[in-house]
C-alpha atoms as a PDB file:
ATOM      1  CA  UNK A   1      -0.130   0.109   0.302  1.00  0.00           C
ATOM      2  CA  UNK A   2       2.945   2.285  -0.347  1.00  0.00           C
ATOM      3  CA  UNK A   3       2.142   5.636  -2.159  1.00  0.00           C
ATOM      4  CA  UNK A   4      -1.871   5.284  -1.426  1.00  0.00           C
ATOM      5  CA  UNK A   5      -3.222   8.599  -0.419  1.00  0.00           C
ATOM      6  CA  UNK A   6      -6.005   7.742   2.550  1.00  0.00           C
ATOM      7  CA  UNK A   7      -9.505   8.976   1.422  1.00  0.00           C
ATOM      8  CA  UNK A   8     -11.774  10.447   4.446  1.00  0.00           C
ATOM      9  CA  UNK A   9     -14.966  11.588   3.620  1.00  0.00           C
ATOM     10  CA  UNK A  10     -16.195  15.126   5.323  1.00  0.00           C
ATOM     11  CA  UNK A  11     -18.732  12.602   7.328  1.00  0.00           C
ATOM     12  CA  UNK A  12     -16.186  10.905   8.611  1.00  0.00           C
ATOM     13  CA  UNK A  13     -14.386  14.086   9.817  1.00  0.00           C
ATOM     14  CA  UNK A  14     -16.223  15.145  13.587  1.00  0.00           C
ATOM     15  CA  UNK A  15     -14.875  18.738  13.170  1.00  0.00           C
ATOM     16  CA  UNK A  16     -16.638  19.121   9.642  1.00  0.00           C
ATOM     17  CA  UNK A  17     -19.952  19.514  11.738  1.00  0.00           C
ATOM     18  CA  UNK A  18     -18.681  21.983  14.979  1.00  0.00           C
ATOM     19  CA  UNK A  19     -19.693  25.476  14.273  1.00  0.00           C
ATOM     20  CA  UNK A  20     -18.994  28.405  16.381  1.00  0.00           C
ATOM     21  CA  UNK A  21     -20.578  31.929  17.024  1.00  0.00           C
ATOM     22  CA  UNK A  22     -18.031  34.975  17.613  1.00  0.00           C
ATOM     23  CA  UNK A  23     -19.241  37.846  18.876  1.00  0.00           C
ATOM     24  CA  UNK A  24     -17.732  40.835  17.337  1.00  0.00           C
ATOM     25  CA  UNK A  25     -17.443  44.662  18.698  1.00  0.00           C
ATOM     26  CA  UNK A  26     -16.189  47.951  16.553  1.00  0.00           C
ATOM     27  CA  UNK A  27     -16.362  46.572  13.213  1.00  0.00           C
ATOM     28  CA  UNK A  28     -16.122  49.830  11.148  1.00  0.00           C
ATOM     29  CA  UNK A  29     -16.702  50.606   7.566  1.00  0.00           C
ATOM     30  CA  UNK A  30     -13.263  50.239   5.335  1.00  0.00           C
ATOM     31  CA  UNK A  31     -11.409  49.387   2.542  1.00  0.00           C
ATOM     32  CA  UNK A  32     -11.703  45.806   3.753  1.00  0.00           C
ATOM     33  CA  UNK A  33     -15.471  45.164   4.079  1.00  0.00           C
ATOM     34  CA  UNK A  34     -16.408  47.758   1.414  1.00  0.00           C
ATOM     35  CA  UNK A  35     -16.540  44.829  -0.760  1.00  0.00           C
ATOM     36  CA  UNK A  36     -19.805  43.665   1.082  1.00  0.00           C
ATOM     37  CA  UNK A  37     -23.377  44.002   0.122  1.00  0.00           C
ATOM     38  CA  UNK A  38     -23.976  45.631   3.360  1.00  0.00           C
ATOM     39  CA  UNK A  39     -22.739  48.170   5.667  1.00  0.00           C
ATOM     40  CA  UNK A  40     -21.603  47.849   9.168  1.00  0.00           C
ATOM     41  CA  UNK A  41     -22.814  49.840  12.267  1.00  0.00           C
ATOM     42  CA  UNK A  42     -19.928  50.442  14.211  1.00  0.00           C
ATOM     43  CA  UNK A  43     -21.858  51.005  17.362  1.00  0.00           C
ATOM     44  CA  UNK A  44     -23.075  47.217  18.045  1.00  0.00           C
ATOM     45  CA  UNK A  45     -21.841  43.848  18.606  1.00  0.00           C
ATOM     46  CA  UNK A  46     -22.387  41.459  15.523  1.00  0.00           C
ATOM     47  CA  UNK A  47     -22.396  37.802  15.817  1.00  0.00           C
ATOM     48  CA  UNK A  48     -21.013  35.827  13.063  1.00  0.00           C
ATOM     49  CA  UNK A  49     -21.259  32.020  12.618  1.00  0.00           C
ATOM     50  CA  UNK A  50     -17.571  30.351  11.547  1.00  0.00           C
ATOM     51  CA  UNK A  51     -17.393  27.044  10.646  1.00  0.00           C
ATOM     52  CA  UNK A  52     -14.357  24.997  12.550  1.00  0.00           C
ATOM     53  CA  UNK A  53     -12.076  24.849   9.764  1.00  0.00           C
ATOM     54  CA  UNK A  54     -12.246  28.428   9.166  1.00  0.00           C
ATOM     55  CA  UNK A  55     -11.794  29.814  12.519  1.00  0.00           C
ATOM     56  CA  UNK A  56      -8.169  31.206  12.061  1.00  0.00           C
ATOM     57  CA  UNK A  57      -9.231  32.410   8.668  1.00  0.00           C
ATOM     58  CA  UNK A  58     -11.941  34.767  10.001  1.00  0.00           C
ATOM     59  CA  UNK A  59     -10.146  35.907  13.153  1.00  0.00           C
ATOM     60  CA  UNK A  60      -7.618  37.379  10.582  1.00  0.00           C
ATOM     61  CA  UNK A  61     -10.367  38.760   8.524  1.00  0.00           C
ATOM     62  CA  UNK A  62     -12.021  40.430  11.717  1.00  0.00           C
ATOM     63  CA  UNK A  63      -8.913  41.859  12.729  1.00  0.00           C
ATOM     64  CA  UNK A  64      -8.283  43.853   9.551  1.00  0.00           C
ATOM     65  CA  UNK A  65     -11.940  45.023   9.481  1.00  0.00           C
ATOM     66  CA  UNK A  66     -10.956  46.748  12.976  1.00  0.00           C
ATOM     67  CA  UNK A  67     -13.292  44.588  15.088  1.00  0.00           C
ATOM     68  CA  UNK A  68     -12.294  42.665  18.289  1.00  0.00           C
ATOM     69  CA  UNK A  69     -13.572  39.244  19.084  1.00  0.00           C
ATOM     70  CA  UNK A  70     -15.677  39.547  22.578  1.00  0.00           C
ATOM     71  CA  UNK A  71     -16.336  36.021  22.609  1.00  0.00           C
ATOM     72  CA  UNK A  72     -16.455  32.422  21.033  1.00  0.00           C
ATOM     73  CA  UNK A  73     -19.068  30.398  21.882  1.00  0.00           C
ATOM     74  CA  UNK A  74     -20.092  26.823  20.226  1.00  0.00           C
ATOM     75  CA  UNK A  75     -23.239  26.416  18.381  1.00  0.00           C
ATOM     76  CA  UNK A  76     -25.220  23.474  19.671  1.00  0.00           C
ATOM     77  CA  UNK A  77     -28.050  22.069  18.217  1.00  0.00           C
ATOM     78  CA  UNK A  78     -31.040  22.396  21.196  1.00  0.00           C
END
């Protein structure tokens, strides 16, 4: 079996279904988020759902937009 790659489906990966909710404060309109189709209000907190495999990428994006992550909570089905 030398040289064969293991094929893993998304269903067998437990982190594929994990989602977290970021509470973000201080987002402001700038060049980075001018590409979005909606405006940000600087005065309120925003809640963003983030899949587990994109957490680091989303943290960097929030920082570039001038936001501060207030809390990170797992999204649980209740």
